[in-house]
């Protein structure tokens, strides 16, 4: 007999093992909002400026199948077509979450967002928005909500935090591109040493490089003018980066528990903590660490054809900012002065597969470790007593931009004492992933 999963001991409801936490939560929400069950089943397929809505009644008959505009001035027509008792299903795409939140605010309406990889829409030969909306309506009509591979709908605050992290990540990208342009300009004019002799990431370093290389030489007058213009743009971007650090610090301070746990890991800084809080939030919406790794895009693509079953490069799905900062944390971890199992594992993999692949592999192991720490409420620790002392010294000296020392977050966390006591009763394996003494994590 198939294993069952209980959502709450106080509820006499059992769910199949394959049901996800998000699906179970959505099912409970539907029972609260639809006392007598859903009256209509709605499928919505979105495009950029319009969408198709298909509504099926409890007998399985189509009662509405129309096209609606998504323009801000006409979007209310879409919401007004809904009635109390409607159960809506949409695929995750750009703009889906905003529409889903607006639908959920209407009385008696429950809107769910499904993972597009869990449906068979992309496999159908006849693919139009109208047919897709019908497919989604039939899918939610014949499938219990808890069995759908649903995606958690972020709140308004979570969406604002995600926009903030993504925005300042783009600024960092543009800043790096501009620095590369400045370096390429010096290289083109015969000054390849400028990158090591001067710090082009700072205003003072760029000014010194321009005067040292171009000076008053009239042959480089044009290049000097271009370098100064690029330096002005970089200065503006650096001011925005400083502003971004304050915004990221605000996100981190919203969740002191997660910040305390993540900050205890060597190499994990402000950007990784902010992106994890913004894009992941509560890890309990993932059934296991493998799902979280897939959400971060750090699992390999699987190619299957006949008897061939091969794993390829990582999927790179999910949020690029979260994945990028996790990999940056791995490189920052390798620069710490003390040794611990995860850092030792990186050095081992680097000799075998190269730096980039090793960083991705350790990035996934880091995600698994973070999942275990957040679910159990345990701090980063190592098994050797001498290494523990080095970790403690590192945490005492660790500083985060704007926030200050890591101890500031740790002392403000109300559950820190409980975390310490629980961590001291744990043991670790060779990768530093925490496990209970009596039961596996």
Protein backbone atom coordinates (compact mmCIF):
# COMPACT_ATOMS: atom_id res chain seq x y z
CA UNK A 1 0.00 0.00 0.00
CA UNK A 2 1.28 3.45 -0.94
CA UNK A 3 2.79 5.50 1.84
CA UNK A 4 0.75 8.48 3.04
CA UNK A 5 1.82 11.89 4.22
CA UNK A 6 -0.06 13.73 6.95
CA UNK A 7 -0.20 17.51 6.76
CA UNK A 8 -1.13 17.98 10.40
CA UNK A 9 -1.77 15.51 13.18
CA UNK A 10 -4.86 17.47 14.21
CA UNK A 11 -6.37 17.03 10.74
CA UNK A 12 -7.70 13.62 9.76
CA UNK A 13 -6.49 14.16 6.19
CA UNK A 14 -3.95 11.97 4.48
CA UNK A 15 -2.23 12.75 1.21
CA UNK A 16 -0.25 10.52 -1.15
CA UNK A 17 3.51 10.57 -0.78
CA UNK A 18 4.01 12.21 -4.17
CA UNK A 19 2.01 15.32 -3.20
CA UNK A 20 4.16 18.42 -2.75
CA UNK A 21 3.91 20.77 0.26
CA UNK A 22 2.65 23.56 -2.01
CA UNK A 23 -0.06 21.31 -3.45
CA UNK A 24 -1.17 20.22 0.00
CA UNK A 25 -1.31 23.82 1.21
CA UNK A 26 -3.33 24.81 -1.88
CA UNK A 27 -5.74 21.93 -1.27
CA UNK A 28 -6.32 23.07 2.31
CA UNK A 29 -6.84 26.63 1.09
CA UNK A 30 -9.43 25.43 -1.43
CA UNK A 31 -11.33 23.57 1.32
CA UNK A 32 -11.44 26.75 3.39
CA UNK A 33 -12.59 28.97 0.53
CA UNK A 34 -14.83 26.43 -1.27
CA UNK A 35 -16.91 24.87 1.50
CA UNK A 36 -19.00 22.78 -0.87
CA UNK A 37 -16.25 22.20 -3.42
CA UNK A 38 -15.38 24.14 -6.57
CA UNK A 39 -18.34 25.19 -8.72
CA UNK A 40 -16.36 25.91 -11.90
CA UNK A 41 -12.90 24.98 -13.20
CA UNK A 42 -10.97 27.67 -15.06
CA UNK A 43 -7.90 27.42 -17.28
CA UNK A 44 -6.03 30.61 -18.24
CA UNK A 45 -3.19 30.72 -20.77
CA UNK A 46 -1.29 34.00 -20.81
CA UNK A 47 0.61 35.80 -23.55
CA UNK A 48 2.13 39.27 -23.45
CA UNK A 49 -0.95 41.44 -24.05
CA UNK A 50 -3.83 38.97 -24.00
CA UNK A 51 -4.97 35.65 -22.62
CA UNK A 52 -7.53 32.92 -23.25
CA UNK A 53 -9.86 31.80 -20.49
CA UNK A 54 -11.74 28.50 -20.56
CA UNK A 55 -14.38 27.71 -17.91
CA UNK A 56 -15.80 24.22 -17.33
CA UNK A 57 -18.78 23.46 -15.10
CA UNK A 58 -18.93 20.45 -12.72
CA UNK A 59 -20.52 18.35 -15.51
CA UNK A 60 -17.45 18.90 -17.71
CA UNK A 61 -19.13 21.23 -20.21
CA UNK A 62 -17.49 24.40 -21.50
CA UNK A 63 -19.48 27.46 -20.42
CA UNK A 64 -16.97 30.12 -21.53
CA UNK A 65 -13.99 30.13 -23.87
CA UNK A 66 -12.95 33.66 -24.73
CA UNK A 67 -9.99 35.96 -25.26
CA UNK A 68 -9.30 38.80 -22.80
CA UNK A 69 -6.95 41.76 -22.96
CA UNK A 70 -4.23 42.05 -20.32
CA UNK A 71 -3.77 45.79 -20.73
CA UNK A 72 -3.94 47.62 -17.42
CA UNK A 73 -7.04 49.57 -18.49
CA UNK A 74 -8.97 46.47 -19.60
CA UNK A 75 -7.71 43.73 -17.28
CA UNK A 76 -10.70 44.11 -14.96
CA UNK A 77 -12.83 42.37 -17.60
CA UNK A 78 -10.80 39.20 -16.96
CA UNK A 79 -11.39 39.36 -13.21
CA UNK A 80 -15.09 40.18 -13.59
CA UNK A 81 -15.62 36.95 -15.58
CA UNK A 82 -14.81 34.99 -12.42
CA UNK A 83 -17.45 33.96 -9.89
CA UNK A 84 -17.45 32.72 -6.33
CA UNK A 85 -16.45 29.07 -6.27
CA UNK A 86 -14.07 29.24 -9.24
CA UNK A 87 -10.82 27.23 -9.21
CA UNK A 88 -8.28 28.76 -11.61
CA UNK A 89 -5.13 27.11 -13.00
CA UNK A 90 -2.34 28.91 -14.87
CA UNK A 91 1.16 28.05 -15.97
CA UNK A 92 4.10 29.90 -14.39
CA UNK A 93 5.38 32.60 -16.74
CA UNK A 94 6.14 36.32 -16.78
CA UNK A 95 3.32 38.25 -15.14
CA UNK A 96 1.47 35.15 -13.91
CA UNK A 97 2.00 35.80 -10.21
CA UNK A 98 0.58 39.35 -10.33
CA UNK A 99 -2.59 38.09 -12.01
CA UNK A 100 -2.87 35.10 -9.65
CA UNK A 101 -2.62 37.34 -6.58
CA UNK A 102 -5.29 39.66 -7.99
CA UNK A 103 -7.61 36.69 -8.61
CA UNK A 104 -7.07 35.31 -5.12
CA UNK A 105 -8.23 38.63 -3.66
CA UNK A 106 -11.68 38.15 -5.20
CA UNK A 107 -14.23 36.50 -2.88
CA UNK A 108 -14.55 32.75 -3.32
CA UNK A 109 -11.89 32.48 -6.05
CA UNK A 110 -8.76 30.29 -5.74
CA UNK A 111 -6.01 30.74 -8.33
CA UNK A 112 -3.16 28.22 -8.57
CA UNK A 113 0.04 28.31 -10.63
CA UNK A 114 1.41 25.05 -12.01
CA UNK A 115 4.96 24.20 -13.03
CA UNK A 116 4.98 24.20 -16.88
CA UNK A 117 7.33 21.20 -16.93
CA UNK A 118 4.72 19.06 -15.17
CA UNK A 119 2.10 19.51 -17.92
CA UNK A 120 2.06 17.99 -21.39
CA UNK A 121 1.15 21.20 -23.22
CA UNK A 122 4.58 21.53 -24.81
CA UNK A 123 4.33 17.98 -26.14
CA UNK A 124 1.11 18.50 -28.11
CA UNK A 125 1.40 19.01 -31.85
CA UNK A 126 -1.48 21.45 -31.99
CA UNK A 127 -0.40 24.28 -29.72
CA UNK A 128 -2.39 27.50 -29.51
CA UNK A 129 -3.30 29.69 -26.55
CA UNK A 130 -6.94 28.72 -26.94
CA UNK A 131 -6.17 24.99 -26.87
CA UNK A 132 -3.79 25.46 -23.93
CA UNK A 133 -6.45 27.18 -21.84
CA UNK A 134 -8.81 24.25 -22.52
CA UNK A 135 -6.08 21.79 -21.53
CA UNK A 136 -5.48 23.61 -18.23
CA UNK A 137 -9.21 23.74 -17.46
CA UNK A 138 -9.56 20.01 -18.07
CA UNK A 139 -6.41 19.32 -16.06
CA UNK A 140 -7.71 21.06 -12.93
CA UNK A 141 -11.17 19.51 -13.53
CA UNK A 142 -9.94 15.91 -13.47
CA UNK A 143 -6.94 16.20 -11.12
CA UNK A 144 -7.10 16.91 -7.38
CA UNK A 145 -5.32 20.13 -6.46
CA UNK A 146 -2.89 18.39 -4.08
CA UNK A 147 -1.64 16.14 -6.90
CA UNK A 148 -0.72 19.03 -9.21
CA UNK A 149 2.88 20.23 -9.30
CA UNK A 150 2.02 23.71 -8.11
CA UNK A 151 4.34 26.67 -7.68
CA UNK A 152 4.18 28.84 -4.57
CA UNK A 153 2.68 32.27 -5.31
CA UNK A 154 4.89 34.95 -3.74
CA UNK A 155 3.39 37.76 -1.71
CA UNK A 156 3.65 41.43 -2.66
CA UNK A 157 6.59 41.86 -0.27
CA UNK A 158 8.37 38.80 -1.69
CA UNK A 159 7.91 40.09 -5.25
CA UNK A 160 9.28 43.48 -4.21
CA UNK A 161 12.33 41.81 -2.64
CA UNK A 162 12.88 39.70 -5.76
CA UNK A 163 12.70 42.77 -7.99
CA UNK A 164 15.22 44.51 -5.76
CA UNK A 165 17.73 41.65 -5.88
CA UNK A 166 17.37 41.23 -9.65
CA UNK A 167 17.70 44.98 -10.26
CA UNK A 168 20.96 45.37 -8.37
CA UNK A 169 22.34 42.18 -9.86
CA UNK A 170 21.86 43.77 -13.30
CA UNK A 171 23.71 46.85 -12.08
CA UNK A 172 26.60 44.61 -10.98
CA UNK A 173 26.63 43.01 -14.44
CA UNK A 174 26.70 46.38 -16.21
CA UNK A 175 29.48 47.55 -13.88
CA UNK A 176 31.59 44.51 -14.73
CA UNK A 177 31.03 45.05 -18.45
CA UNK A 178 32.08 48.70 -18.16
CA UNK A 179 35.24 47.78 -16.26
CA UNK A 180 36.08 45.29 -19.00
CA UNK A 181 35.60 48.03 -21.61
CA UNK A 182 38.00 50.30 -19.73
CA UNK A 183 40.57 47.52 -19.46
CA UNK A 184 40.16 46.70 -23.17
CA UNK A 185 40.78 50.37 -24.01
CA UNK A 186 44.07 50.39 -22.12
CA UNK A 187 45.03 47.05 -23.66
CA UNK A 188 44.31 48.35 -27.16
CA UNK A 189 46.56 51.38 -26.58
CA UNK A 190 49.48 49.25 -25.42
CA UNK A 191 49.07 49.24 -21.62
CA UNK A 192 48.24 45.62 -20.67
CA UNK A 193 49.73 46.05 -17.19
CA UNK A 194 47.13 48.57 -16.05
CA UNK A 195 44.82 45.88 -14.67
CA UNK A 196 47.38 44.74 -12.08
CA UNK A 197 49.00 48.11 -11.45
CA UNK A 198 45.73 49.96 -10.77
CA UNK A 199 42.34 48.98 -9.38
CA UNK A 200 39.89 49.85 -12.15
CA UNK A 201 36.95 49.05 -9.88
CA UNK A 202 37.49 52.29 -7.94
CA UNK A 203 37.29 55.94 -8.98
CA UNK A 204 40.76 56.74 -7.61
CA UNK A 205 42.32 53.71 -9.30
CA UNK A 206 40.87 54.66 -12.69
CA UNK A 207 42.02 58.27 -12.37
CA UNK A 208 45.57 57.15 -11.52
CA UNK A 209 45.58 54.72 -14.45
CA UNK A 210 44.43 57.39 -16.90
CA UNK A 211 47.10 59.87 -15.82
CA UNK A 212 49.87 57.25 -15.61
CA UNK A 213 49.21 55.78 -19.07
CA UNK A 214 47.84 58.64 -21.14
CA UNK A 215 49.09 61.72 -19.27
CA UNK A 216 49.61 64.72 -21.56
CA UNK A 217 50.47 62.64 -24.62
CA UNK A 218 48.41 64.14 -27.45
CA UNK A 219 48.44 60.89 -29.41
CA UNK A 220 46.25 59.39 -26.66
CA UNK A 221 43.97 62.43 -26.28
CA UNK A 222 40.96 60.65 -27.76
CA UNK A 223 41.50 57.51 -25.67
CA UNK A 224 41.92 59.65 -22.55
CA UNK A 225 38.61 61.40 -23.21
CA UNK A 226 36.81 58.06 -23.71
CA UNK A 227 38.39 56.62 -20.54
CA UNK A 228 37.19 59.61 -18.51
CA UNK A 229 33.66 59.25 -19.88
CA UNK A 230 33.63 55.56 -19.01
CA UNK A 231 34.97 56.36 -15.55
CA UNK A 232 32.08 58.79 -14.95
CA UNK A 233 29.59 56.09 -15.87
CA UNK A 234 31.33 53.63 -13.55
CA UNK A 235 31.23 56.13 -10.70
CA UNK A 236 27.46 56.47 -11.12
CA UNK A 237 27.06 52.68 -11.15
CA UNK A 238 29.17 52.39 -8.00
CA UNK A 239 26.88 54.86 -6.24
CA UNK A 240 23.93 52.68 -7.21
CA UNK A 241 25.78 49.62 -5.92
CA UNK A 242 26.23 51.28 -2.53
CA UNK A 243 22.51 52.05 -2.49
CA UNK A 244 21.85 48.42 -3.43
CA UNK A 245 23.78 47.17 -0.40
CA UNK A 246 21.41 49.11 1.87
CA UNK A 247 18.39 47.61 0.13
CA UNK A 248 19.82 44.08 0.38
CA UNK A 249 20.58 44.64 4.06
CA UNK A 250 16.94 45.61 4.56
CA UNK A 251 15.84 42.30 3.01
CA UNK A 252 18.25 40.33 5.20
CA UNK A 253 17.04 41.96 8.41
CA UNK A 254 13.45 40.95 7.60
CA UNK A 255 14.27 37.30 8.40
CA UNK A 256 16.80 37.15 11.22
CA UNK A 257 16.47 33.38 11.63
CA UNK A 258 17.43 32.61 8.02
CA UNK A 259 20.11 35.31 8.10
CA UNK A 260 21.63 33.82 11.25
CA UNK A 261 21.73 30.30 9.83
CA UNK A 262 23.06 31.29 6.40
CA UNK A 263 25.54 33.78 7.84
CA UNK A 264 27.18 31.05 9.90
CA UNK A 265 28.42 29.39 6.68
CA UNK A 266 31.90 30.52 5.60
CA UNK A 267 31.76 32.45 2.32
CA UNK A 268 28.03 33.23 2.42
CA UNK A 269 27.64 37.01 2.34
CA UNK A 270 24.99 39.70 2.08
CA UNK A 271 24.00 39.05 -1.56
CA UNK A 272 23.54 35.31 -1.10
CA UNK A 273 21.54 35.79 2.08
CA UNK A 274 19.28 38.43 0.50
CA UNK A 275 18.70 36.42 -2.69
CA UNK A 276 17.91 33.25 -0.72
CA UNK A 277 15.41 35.06 1.50
CA UNK A 278 13.80 36.76 -1.52
CA UNK A 279 13.60 33.82 -3.94
CA UNK A 280 13.36 30.79 -1.64
CA UNK A 281 11.91 32.01 1.64
CA UNK A 282 10.41 29.11 3.57
CA UNK A 283 12.18 25.90 2.53
CA UNK A 284 9.30 23.80 3.86
CA UNK A 285 7.54 24.32 0.52
CA UNK A 286 10.14 21.91 -0.93
CA UNK A 287 9.75 18.22 -0.12
CA UNK A 288 13.49 17.57 -0.15
CA UNK A 289 16.86 19.11 -0.93
CA UNK A 290 16.77 17.75 -4.48
CA UNK A 291 13.73 19.88 -5.28
CA UNK A 292 15.47 22.97 -3.92
CA UNK A 293 18.56 22.19 -6.01
CA UNK A 294 16.36 21.88 -9.09
CA UNK A 295 14.69 25.20 -8.23
CA UNK A 296 18.15 26.80 -8.11
CA UNK A 297 19.00 25.29 -11.51
CA UNK A 298 21.97 23.34 -10.15
CA UNK A 299 20.89 19.87 -11.27
CA UNK A 300 22.07 18.28 -14.56
CA UNK A 301 19.86 18.01 -17.62
CA UNK A 302 18.82 14.42 -18.25
CA UNK A 303 18.79 13.14 -21.84
CA UNK A 304 16.96 9.87 -22.45
CA UNK A 305 16.61 8.17 -25.82
CA UNK A 306 16.02 4.45 -26.16
CA UNK A 307 18.65 2.71 -24.08
CA UNK A 308 20.69 5.88 -23.67
CA UNK A 309 20.46 7.78 -20.41
CA UNK A 310 22.90 10.66 -20.08
CA UNK A 311 23.30 13.61 -17.70
CA UNK A 312 24.42 16.85 -19.31
CA UNK A 313 25.10 20.39 -18.14
CA UNK A 314 23.04 21.98 -15.37
CA UNK A 315 19.57 23.19 -16.28
CA UNK A 316 20.17 26.84 -15.24
CA UNK A 317 16.47 27.11 -14.49
CA UNK A 318 15.03 29.26 -11.75
CA UNK A 319 16.48 32.60 -10.70
CA UNK A 320 19.87 33.45 -12.19
CA UNK A 321 20.68 35.85 -9.34
CA UNK A 322 20.28 33.13 -6.70
CA UNK A 323 22.39 30.63 -8.64
CA UNK A 324 25.09 33.20 -9.39
CA UNK A 325 25.44 34.31 -5.77
CA UNK A 326 25.58 30.70 -4.57
CA UNK A 327 28.52 30.06 -6.89
CA UNK A 328 30.15 33.29 -5.71
CA UNK A 329 29.80 32.01 -2.15
CA UNK A 330 31.70 28.87 -3.11
CA UNK A 331 34.62 30.92 -4.43
CA UNK A 332 34.51 33.15 -1.33
CA UNK A 333 34.52 30.02 0.83
CA UNK A 334 37.74 28.82 -0.81
CA UNK A 335 39.50 32.05 0.19
CA UNK A 336 39.01 31.50 3.91
CA UNK A 337 42.22 30.89 5.85
CA UNK A 338 41.10 27.72 7.61
CA UNK A 339 40.21 24.31 6.22
CA UNK A 340 36.91 22.44 6.61
CA UNK A 341 35.26 19.48 4.80
CA UNK A 342 33.35 21.45 2.14
CA UNK A 343 36.41 23.49 1.21
CA UNK A 344 38.53 20.34 1.12
CA UNK A 345 35.97 18.71 -1.19
CA UNK A 346 36.22 21.67 -3.58
CA UNK A 347 40.02 21.32 -3.77
CA UNK A 348 39.58 17.62 -4.50
CA UNK A 349 37.03 18.17 -7.29
CA UNK A 350 39.04 21.02 -8.79
CA UNK A 351 41.95 18.70 -9.51
CA UNK A 352 39.62 16.29 -11.28
CA UNK A 353 37.14 18.43 -13.23
CA UNK A 354 38.39 22.01 -13.24
CA UNK A 355 37.46 25.12 -11.27
CA UNK A 356 34.10 25.97 -12.84
CA UNK A 357 32.61 22.48 -12.69
CA UNK A 358 33.92 22.00 -9.17
CA UNK A 359 32.30 25.27 -8.08
CA UNK A 360 28.94 24.16 -9.51
CA UNK A 361 29.22 20.76 -7.83
CA UNK A 362 30.03 22.33 -4.46
CA UNK A 363 27.28 24.89 -5.06
CA UNK A 364 24.75 22.09 -5.17
CA UNK A 365 26.19 20.49 -2.03
CA UNK A 366 25.96 23.93 -0.41
CA UNK A 367 22.25 24.07 -1.29
CA UNK A 368 21.73 20.61 0.25
CA UNK A 369 23.51 21.74 3.40
CA UNK A 370 21.47 24.96 3.57
CA UNK A 371 18.24 22.98 3.20
CA UNK A 372 19.23 20.72 6.10
CA UNK A 373 20.24 23.68 8.28
CA UNK A 374 17.03 25.63 7.66
CA UNK A 375 14.73 22.63 8.15
CA UNK A 376 16.45 21.56 11.39
CA UNK A 377 17.32 25.03 12.70
CA UNK A 378 21.02 24.20 13.05
CA UNK A 379 24.07 26.40 12.57
CA UNK A 380 27.08 25.55 10.43
CA UNK A 381 29.46 23.29 12.28
CA UNK A 382 32.30 20.83 11.72
CA UNK A 383 33.26 17.65 13.54
CA UNK A 384 36.85 18.39 14.53
CA UNK A 385 37.16 20.48 17.71
CA UNK A 386 40.10 22.55 16.41
CA UNK A 387 38.20 23.32 13.23
CA UNK A 388 35.20 24.37 15.31
CA UNK A 389 37.33 26.92 17.09
CA UNK A 390 38.49 28.32 13.75
CA UNK A 391 34.89 28.53 12.54
CA UNK A 392 33.95 30.39 15.73
CA UNK A 393 36.80 32.88 15.23
CA UNK A 394 35.73 33.38 11.61
CA UNK A 395 32.12 34.03 12.61
CA UNK A 396 33.22 36.51 15.29
CA UNK A 397 35.24 38.50 12.74
CA UNK A 398 32.83 38.16 9.82
CA UNK A 399 31.49 41.49 8.55
CA UNK A 400 28.58 42.17 6.23
CA UNK A 401 28.22 45.40 4.21
CA UNK A 402 26.01 48.00 5.91
CA UNK A 403 24.90 45.55 8.63
CA UNK A 404 28.30 45.26 10.31
CA UNK A 405 29.56 42.19 12.13
CA UNK A 406 27.70 38.91 11.77
CA UNK A 407 27.30 38.91 15.57
CA UNK A 408 24.79 41.76 15.21
CA UNK A 409 22.37 39.46 13.41
CA UNK A 410 23.16 36.50 15.63
CA UNK A 411 22.53 38.35 18.90
CA UNK A 412 19.25 39.81 17.65
CA UNK A 413 17.88 36.36 16.71
CA UNK A 414 15.48 35.21 19.44
CA UNK A 415 15.99 31.52 18.69
CA UNK A 416 19.79 31.62 18.66
CA UNK A 417 20.21 29.82 22.00
CA UNK A 418 17.98 26.99 20.82
CA UNK A 419 19.96 26.79 17.56
CA UNK A 420 23.23 26.45 19.49
CA UNK A 421 21.85 23.71 21.74
CA UNK A 422 20.47 21.79 18.78
CA UNK A 423 23.69 22.16 16.82
CA UNK A 424 25.77 20.86 19.72
CA UNK A 425 23.67 17.66 19.75
CA UNK A 426 24.39 16.95 16.09
CA UNK A 427 27.09 15.22 14.16
CA UNK A 428 28.31 15.92 10.63
CA UNK A 429 29.37 13.77 7.73
CA UNK A 430 32.32 14.31 5.41
CA UNK A 431 30.55 17.10 3.47
CA UNK A 432 29.56 19.08 6.53
CA UNK A 433 25.85 18.31 6.15
CA UNK A 434 24.28 18.13 9.57
CA UNK A 435 22.53 14.98 10.73
CA UNK A 436 20.69 14.04 13.89
CA UNK A 437 22.38 11.66 16.28
CA UNK A 438 19.30 9.47 16.53
CA UNK A 439 17.65 9.95 13.16
CA UNK A 440 18.73 11.05 9.68
CA UNK A 441 18.07 14.64 8.69
